[in-house]
Amino acid sequence: MVPYTSESIWRVDPLRTALLVIDMQNDFVRPGAPMEVPMARRFLPNMQRILRACRSHGVPVIFTQHILYDHVNVSPLELRIQPHLQRAGIRYGTEGVDIVSELQPLAEEFVVPKHRYDAFYNTQLETLIRTARGPGQVDTVIITGTVTSICCESTARSAYMRDLKVVFVSDANGGFDEASQQATLETIRRAFGRVTDTDTVVAEMDASES
């Protein structure tokens, strides 16, 4: 299979697009946090740029929030694979689950809680995307956030399966390491969507107004 290139696949049209900000929570981003992903922190300025551009062009913004509970094992396989989460991390009611202040959601923006890597699974995400600009108007999602190879990739694949065009931003998705980062980018590029960078996304949105 020949991979798509930026020139051979969809561009970003603000009138048809929603921005997804995946799991940019304190427990993933802050130094020393239980689920710290340094690359997510490094790419935070790019996420801010995309967020500002989307807000200025009226693009609907949807944040996701990965949440576990102390009193209910709501994600048992996740805790089996990552046993350190049995003790602490992304717990409901703590500051750790809050979206980082640098990306603070506005009152009119959506925050979708989830308990699985795929942000569409058992959530209202698809309904919000399908209706955010009026029924059937949004057909494209820009995906940013963390962790690139886990929740971001799972959500991108799920969006594609729902016939949503995926724009996966290479320098606004933070992974655990460079190897897994590049593996996900290649997988998305080959089969699930368009991989591009922050400069290109912002430029295409700005060009739509000219």
C-alpha atoms as a PDB file:
ATOM      1  CA  MET A   1       0.000   0.000   0.000  1.00  0.00           C
ATOM      2  CA  VAL A   2       1.313   3.441  -0.917  1.00  0.00           C
ATOM      3  CA  PRO A   3       0.990   5.870   2.022  1.00  0.00           C
ATOM      4  CA  TYR A   4      -1.086   8.977   1.550  1.00  0.00           C
ATOM      5  CA  THR A   5       0.718  12.301   1.473  1.00  0.00           C
ATOM      6  CA  SER A   6      -0.533  15.652   2.720  1.00  0.00           C
ATOM      7  CA  GLU A   7      -1.148  16.666  -0.877  1.00  0.00           C
ATOM      8  CA  SER A   8      -3.296  13.645  -1.716  1.00  0.00           C
ATOM      9  CA  ILE A   9      -5.706  13.677   1.214  1.00  0.00           C
ATOM     10  CA  TRP A  10      -8.116  16.053   2.947  1.00  0.00           C
ATOM     11  CA  ARG A  11      -7.275  19.548   4.118  1.00  0.00           C
ATOM     12  CA  VAL A  12      -8.556  21.217   7.282  1.00  0.00           C
ATOM     13  CA  ASP A  13     -11.811  23.083   6.673  1.00  0.00           C
ATOM     14  CA  PRO A  14     -12.851  24.878   9.889  1.00  0.00           C
ATOM     15  CA  LEU A  15     -16.519  24.657   8.897  1.00  0.00           C
ATOM     16  CA  ARG A  16     -16.348  20.847   8.798  1.00  0.00           C
ATOM     17  CA  THR A  17     -13.913  20.157  11.638  1.00  0.00           C
ATOM     18  CA  ALA A  18     -13.845  19.504  15.395  1.00  0.00           C
ATOM     19  CA  LEU A  19     -10.758  19.520  17.608  1.00  0.00           C
ATOM     20  CA  LEU A  20     -10.186  16.642  20.024  1.00  0.00           C
ATOM     21  CA  VAL A  21      -7.799  17.233  22.928  1.00  0.00           C
ATOM     22  CA  ILE A  22      -7.127  13.798  24.369  1.00  0.00           C
ATOM     23  CA  ASP A  23      -6.369  13.382  28.098  1.00  0.00           C
ATOM     24  CA  MET A  24      -4.201  16.454  28.643  1.00  0.00           C
ATOM     25  CA  GLN A  25      -4.605  16.107  32.393  1.00  0.00           C
ATOM     26  CA  ASN A  26      -2.313  16.985  35.253  1.00  0.00           C
ATOM     27  CA  ASP A  27      -1.529  13.328  35.982  1.00  0.00           C
ATOM     28  CA  PHE A  28      -0.166  12.908  32.453  1.00  0.00           C
ATOM     29  CA  VAL A  29       1.563  16.244  31.988  1.00  0.00           C
ATOM     30  CA  ARG A  30       3.053  17.600  35.219  1.00  0.00           C
ATOM     31  CA  PRO A  31       6.609  16.676  36.265  1.00  0.00           C
ATOM     32  CA  GLY A  32       6.595  13.725  38.652  1.00  0.00           C
ATOM     33  CA  ALA A  33       2.919  12.924  38.019  1.00  0.00           C
ATOM     34  CA  PRO A  34       1.830   9.258  38.269  1.00  0.00           C
ATOM     35  CA  MET A  35       1.390   8.919  34.492  1.00  0.00           C
ATOM     36  CA  GLU A  36       3.932  11.530  33.413  1.00  0.00           C
ATOM     37  CA  VAL A  37       4.529  11.818  29.660  1.00  0.00           C
ATOM     38  CA  PRO A  38       7.345  14.354  29.125  1.00  0.00           C
ATOM     39  CA  MET A  39       6.675  14.558  25.392  1.00  0.00           C
ATOM     40  CA  ALA A  40       3.116  15.726  26.080  1.00  0.00           C
ATOM     41  CA  ARG A  41       4.561  18.561  28.148  1.00  0.00           C
ATOM     42  CA  ARG A  42       7.099  19.366  25.417  1.00  0.00           C
ATOM     43  CA  PHE A  43       4.381  19.588  22.768  1.00  0.00           C
ATOM     44  CA  LEU A  44       2.046  21.645  24.957  1.00  0.00           C
ATOM     45  CA  PRO A  45       2.888  24.947  23.148  1.00  0.00           C
ATOM     46  CA  ASN A  46       1.824  23.375  19.836  1.00  0.00           C
ATOM     47  CA  MET A  47      -1.427  22.199  21.356  1.00  0.00           C
ATOM     48  CA  GLN A  48      -2.010  25.729  22.611  1.00  0.00           C
ATOM     49  CA  ARG A  49      -1.437  27.124  19.115  1.00  0.00           C
ATOM     50  CA  ILE A  50      -3.933  24.717  17.581  1.00  0.00           C
ATOM     51  CA  LEU A  51      -6.451  25.394  20.327  1.00  0.00           C
ATOM     52  CA  ARG A  52      -6.172  29.160  19.823  1.00  0.00           C
ATOM     53  CA  ALA A  53      -6.539  28.782  16.064  1.00  0.00           C
ATOM     54  CA  CYS A  54      -9.596  26.547  16.415  1.00  0.00           C
ATOM     55  CA  ARG A  55     -11.237  28.950  18.834  1.00  0.00           C
ATOM     56  CA  SER A  56     -10.575  31.904  16.547  1.00  0.00           C
ATOM     57  CA  HIS A  57     -12.139  30.056  13.586  1.00  0.00           C
ATOM     58  CA  GLY A  58     -15.141  28.774  15.528  1.00  0.00           C
ATOM     59  CA  VAL A  59     -14.077  25.123  15.444  1.00  0.00           C
ATOM     60  CA  PRO A  60     -15.833  23.081  18.158  1.00  0.00           C
ATOM     61  CA  VAL A  61     -13.425  21.884  20.843  1.00  0.00           C
ATOM     62  CA  ILE A  62     -13.898  18.643  22.777  1.00  0.00           C
ATOM     63  CA  PHE A  63     -11.608  17.560  25.614  1.00  0.00           C
ATOM     64  CA  THR A  64     -11.449  14.033  26.972  1.00  0.00           C
ATOM     65  CA  GLN A  65     -10.682  13.102  30.536  1.00  0.00           C
ATOM     66  CA  HIS A  66      -9.501   9.607  31.477  1.00  0.00           C
ATOM     67  CA  ILE A  67     -10.896   8.778  34.924  1.00  0.00           C
ATOM     68  CA  LEU A  68     -10.537   5.927  37.404  1.00  0.00           C
ATOM     69  CA  TYR A  69     -12.295   5.486  40.755  1.00  0.00           C
ATOM     70  CA  ASP A  70     -11.138   4.363  44.165  1.00  0.00           C
ATOM     71  CA  HIS A  71     -14.380   2.606  45.042  1.00  0.00           C
ATOM     72  CA  VAL A  72     -15.093   0.860  41.704  1.00  0.00           C
ATOM     73  CA  ASN A  73     -12.598  -0.920  39.448  1.00  0.00           C
ATOM     74  CA  VAL A  74     -14.074   0.613  36.318  1.00  0.00           C
ATOM     75  CA  SER A  75     -11.195  -0.475  34.040  1.00  0.00           C
ATOM     76  CA  PRO A  76     -10.021  -3.847  35.394  1.00  0.00           C
ATOM     77  CA  LEU A  77      -7.791  -4.881  32.493  1.00  0.00           C
ATOM     78  CA  GLU A  78      -6.039  -1.522  32.470  1.00  0.00           C
ATOM     79  CA  LEU A  79      -5.180  -1.953  36.142  1.00  0.00           C
ATOM     80  CA  ARG A  80      -3.970  -5.515  35.550  1.00  0.00           C
ATOM     81  CA  ILE A  81      -1.581  -4.313  32.847  1.00  0.00           C
ATOM     82  CA  GLN A  82      -0.552  -1.172  34.751  1.00  0.00           C
ATOM     83  CA  PRO A  83      -0.666  -2.251  38.425  1.00  0.00           C
ATOM     84  CA  HIS A  84       0.774   1.056  39.674  1.00  0.00           C
ATOM     85  CA  LEU A  85      -2.627   2.574  38.838  1.00  0.00           C
ATOM     86  CA  GLN A  86      -4.155   0.462  41.609  1.00  0.00           C
ATOM     87  CA  ARG A  87      -2.526   2.847  44.084  1.00  0.00           C
ATOM     88  CA  ALA A  88      -2.807   6.293  42.499  1.00  0.00           C
ATOM     89  CA  GLY A  89      -3.356   8.231  39.306  1.00  0.00           C
ATOM     90  CA  ILE A  90      -6.175   9.854  37.313  1.00  0.00           C
ATOM     91  CA  ARG A  91      -8.604   9.440  40.204  1.00  0.00           C
ATOM     92  CA  TYR A  92     -12.046  11.021  40.154  1.00  0.00           C
ATOM     93  CA  GLY A  93     -12.285  14.047  42.425  1.00  0.00           C
ATOM     94  CA  THR A  94      -8.551  14.813  42.416  1.00  0.00           C
ATOM     95  CA  GLU A  95      -6.648  17.600  40.672  1.00  0.00           C
ATOM     96  CA  GLY A  96      -4.850  14.916  38.717  1.00  0.00           C
ATOM     97  CA  VAL A  97      -7.820  14.385  36.400  1.00  0.00           C
ATOM     98  CA  ASP A  98      -8.206  18.103  35.622  1.00  0.00           C
ATOM     99  CA  ILE A  99      -7.272  19.420  32.196  1.00  0.00           C
ATOM    100  CA  VAL A 100      -4.002  21.348  32.459  1.00  0.00           C
ATOM    101  CA  SER A 101      -4.435  25.074  33.024  1.00  0.00           C
ATOM    102  CA  GLU A 102      -2.596  25.905  29.790  1.00  0.00           C
ATOM    103  CA  LEU A 103      -5.486  24.321  27.857  1.00  0.00           C
ATOM    104  CA  GLN A 104      -8.283  25.275  30.222  1.00  0.00           C
ATOM    105  CA  PRO A 105     -11.646  24.489  28.600  1.00  0.00           C
ATOM    106  CA  LEU A 106     -14.008  27.397  28.083  1.00  0.00           C
ATOM    107  CA  ALA A 107     -17.487  27.247  29.569  1.00  0.00           C
ATOM    108  CA  GLU A 108     -19.068  26.380  26.223  1.00  0.00           C
ATOM    109  CA  GLU A 109     -16.570  23.652  25.351  1.00  0.00           C
ATOM    110  CA  PHE A 110     -17.171  19.990  26.036  1.00  0.00           C
ATOM    111  CA  VAL A 111     -15.283  17.724  28.446  1.00  0.00           C
ATOM    112  CA  VAL A 112     -15.996  14.026  27.905  1.00  0.00           C
ATOM    113  CA  PRO A 113     -15.100  11.608  30.723  1.00  0.00           C
ATOM    114  CA  LYS A 114     -13.983   8.154  29.633  1.00  0.00           C
ATOM    115  CA  HIS A 115     -12.806   4.879  31.145  1.00  0.00           C
ATOM    116  CA  ARG A 116     -11.233   3.244  28.090  1.00  0.00           C
ATOM    117  CA  TYR A 117      -8.422   4.241  25.744  1.00  0.00           C
ATOM    118  CA  ASP A 118     -10.858   4.748  22.859  1.00  0.00           C
ATOM    119  CA  ALA A 119     -12.647   8.034  23.584  1.00  0.00           C
ATOM    120  CA  PHE A 120     -15.693   6.905  21.580  1.00  0.00           C
ATOM    121  CA  TYR A 121     -16.303   3.793  23.693  1.00  0.00           C
ATOM    122  CA  ASN A 122     -19.425   4.219  25.870  1.00  0.00           C
ATOM    123  CA  THR A 123     -19.208   8.028  25.773  1.00  0.00           C
ATOM    124  CA  GLN A 124     -21.165  10.883  24.179  1.00  0.00           C
ATOM    125  CA  LEU A 125     -18.240  11.844  21.943  1.00  0.00           C
ATOM    126  CA  GLU A 126     -19.742  10.787  18.620  1.00  0.00           C
ATOM    127  CA  THR A 127     -23.034  12.546  19.360  1.00  0.00           C
ATOM    128  CA  LEU A 128     -21.193  15.765  20.200  1.00  0.00           C
ATOM    129  CA  ILE A 129     -19.101  15.606  17.024  1.00  0.00           C
ATOM    130  CA  ARG A 130     -22.118  14.875  14.846  1.00  0.00           C
ATOM    131  CA  THR A 131     -24.138  17.782  16.249  1.00  0.00           C
ATOM    132  CA  ALA A 132     -21.551  20.384  17.328  1.00  0.00           C
ATOM    133  CA  ARG A 133     -22.129  22.585  14.263  1.00  0.00           C
ATOM    134  CA  GLY A 134     -25.568  21.222  13.453  1.00  0.00           C
ATOM    135  CA  PRO A 135     -26.506  17.727  12.336  1.00  0.00           C
ATOM    136  CA  GLY A 136     -24.061  16.232   9.851  1.00  0.00           C
ATOM    137  CA  GLN A 137     -21.824  19.283   9.491  1.00  0.00           C
ATOM    138  CA  VAL A 138     -18.589  17.955  11.018  1.00  0.00           C
ATOM    139  CA  ASP A 139     -16.808  15.255   9.029  1.00  0.00           C
ATOM    140  CA  THR A 140     -13.206  15.787  10.194  1.00  0.00           C
ATOM    141  CA  VAL A 141     -11.452  15.568  13.557  1.00  0.00           C
ATOM    142  CA  ILE A 142      -8.081  17.041  14.483  1.00  0.00           C
ATOM    143  CA  ILE A 143      -6.500  14.803  17.100  1.00  0.00           C
ATOM    144  CA  THR A 144      -4.065  16.180  19.683  1.00  0.00           C
ATOM    145  CA  GLY A 145      -3.118  15.116  23.220  1.00  0.00           C
ATOM    146  CA  THR A 146      -1.573  12.081  24.895  1.00  0.00           C
ATOM    147  CA  VAL A 147      -0.620   9.239  24.926  1.00  0.00           C
ATOM    148  CA  THR A 148       0.110   9.045  21.185  1.00  0.00           C
ATOM    149  CA  SER A 149       0.240   5.259  20.852  1.00  0.00           C
ATOM    150  CA  ILE A 150      -2.558   4.505  23.307  1.00  0.00           C
ATOM    151  CA  CYS A 151      -5.543   6.826  23.716  1.00  0.00           C
ATOM    152  CA  CYS A 152      -4.756   9.086  20.743  1.00  0.00           C
ATOM    153  CA  GLU A 153      -4.222   6.212  18.325  1.00  0.00           C
ATOM    154  CA  SER A 154      -7.204   4.247  19.681  1.00  0.00           C
ATOM    155  CA  THR A 155      -9.441   7.281  19.221  1.00  0.00           C
ATOM    156  CA  ALA A 156      -8.076   7.994  15.735  1.00  0.00           C
ATOM    157  CA  ARG A 157      -8.789   4.431  14.619  1.00  0.00           C
ATOM    158  CA  SER A 158     -12.282   4.614  16.088  1.00  0.00           C
ATOM    159  CA  ALA A 159     -12.970   7.929  14.339  1.00  0.00           C
ATOM    160  CA  TYR A 160     -11.900   6.425  11.028  1.00  0.00           C
ATOM    161  CA  MET A 161     -14.234   3.450  11.573  1.00  0.00           C
ATOM    162  CA  ARG A 162     -17.049   5.992  11.911  1.00  0.00           C
ATOM    163  CA  ASP A 163     -16.161   7.581   8.564  1.00  0.00           C
ATOM    164  CA  LEU A 164     -14.662  10.666  10.160  1.00  0.00           C
ATOM    165  CA  LYS A 165     -11.601  12.111   8.446  1.00  0.00           C
ATOM    166  CA  VAL A 166      -8.647  12.033  10.830  1.00  0.00           C
ATOM    167  CA  VAL A 167      -6.015  14.783  10.986  1.00  0.00           C
ATOM    168  CA  PHE A 168      -3.367  13.500  13.388  1.00  0.00           C
ATOM    169  CA  VAL A 169      -0.904  16.210  14.424  1.00  0.00           C
ATOM    170  CA  SER A 170       2.611  14.789  14.663  1.00  0.00           C
ATOM    171  CA  ASP A 171       3.995  17.493  16.975  1.00  0.00           C
ATOM    172  CA  ALA A 172       0.860  17.895  19.099  1.00  0.00           C
ATOM    173  CA  ASN A 173       0.468  14.290  20.242  1.00  0.00           C
ATOM    174  CA  GLY A 174       2.835  13.288  23.026  1.00  0.00           C
ATOM    175  CA  GLY A 175       4.087   9.713  23.246  1.00  0.00           C
ATOM    176  CA  PHE A 176       6.087   7.686  25.736  1.00  0.00           C
ATOM    177  CA  ASP A 177       9.161   7.570  23.526  1.00  0.00           C
ATOM    178  CA  GLU A 178      10.326   8.270  19.989  1.00  0.00           C
ATOM    179  CA  ALA A 179       9.971   4.658  18.806  1.00  0.00           C
ATOM    180  CA  SER A 180       6.299   4.324  19.748  1.00  0.00           C
ATOM    181  CA  GLN A 181       5.630   7.878  18.536  1.00  0.00           C
ATOM    182  CA  GLN A 182       6.964   7.143  15.063  1.00  0.00           C
ATOM    183  CA  ALA A 183       5.242   3.755  14.898  1.00  0.00           C
ATOM    184  CA  THR A 184       1.857   5.345  15.516  1.00  0.00           C
ATOM    185  CA  LEU A 185       2.459   8.143  13.029  1.00  0.00           C
ATOM    186  CA  GLU A 186       3.352   5.591  10.363  1.00  0.00           C
ATOM    187  CA  THR A 187       0.311   3.454  11.163  1.00  0.00           C
ATOM    188  CA  ILE A 188      -2.072   6.408  10.979  1.00  0.00           C
ATOM    189  CA  ARG A 189      -0.420   7.685   7.795  1.00  0.00           C
ATOM    190  CA  ARG A 190      -0.684   4.311   6.054  1.00  0.00           C
ATOM    191  CA  ALA A 191      -4.240   3.367   6.942  1.00  0.00           C
ATOM    192  CA  PHE A 192      -6.268   5.671   9.168  1.00  0.00           C
ATOM    193  CA  GLY A 193      -5.835   9.314   8.238  1.00  0.00           C
ATOM    194  CA  ARG A 194      -3.629  12.246   7.509  1.00  0.00           C
ATOM    195  CA  VAL A 195      -0.507  12.967   9.555  1.00  0.00           C
ATOM    196  CA  THR A 196       0.652  16.571   9.487  1.00  0.00           C
ATOM    197  CA  ASP A 197       2.153  19.207  11.790  1.00  0.00           C
ATOM    198  CA  THR A 198       0.991  22.198  13.789  1.00  0.00           C
ATOM    199  CA  ASP A 199       2.204  24.802  11.297  1.00  0.00           C
ATOM    200  CA  THR A 200       0.247  23.156   8.483  1.00  0.00           C
ATOM    201  CA  VAL A 201      -2.966  22.806  10.473  1.00  0.00           C
ATOM    202  CA  VAL A 202      -2.911  26.445  11.562  1.00  0.00           C
ATOM    203  CA  ALA A 203      -1.990  27.657   8.062  1.00  0.00           C
ATOM    204  CA  GLU A 204      -4.845  25.733   6.455  1.00  0.00           C
ATOM    205  CA  MET A 205      -7.357  27.153   8.910  1.00  0.00           C
ATOM    206  CA  ASP A 206      -6.069  30.673   8.322  1.00  0.00           C
ATOM    207  CA  ALA A 207      -6.133  30.209   4.560  1.00  0.00           C
ATOM    208  CA  SER A 208      -9.780  29.239   4.679  1.00  0.00           C
ATOM    209  CA  GLU A 209     -10.605  32.811   5.697  1.00  0.00           C
ATOM    210  CA  SER A 210      -8.743  34.428   2.794  1.00  0.00           C
END
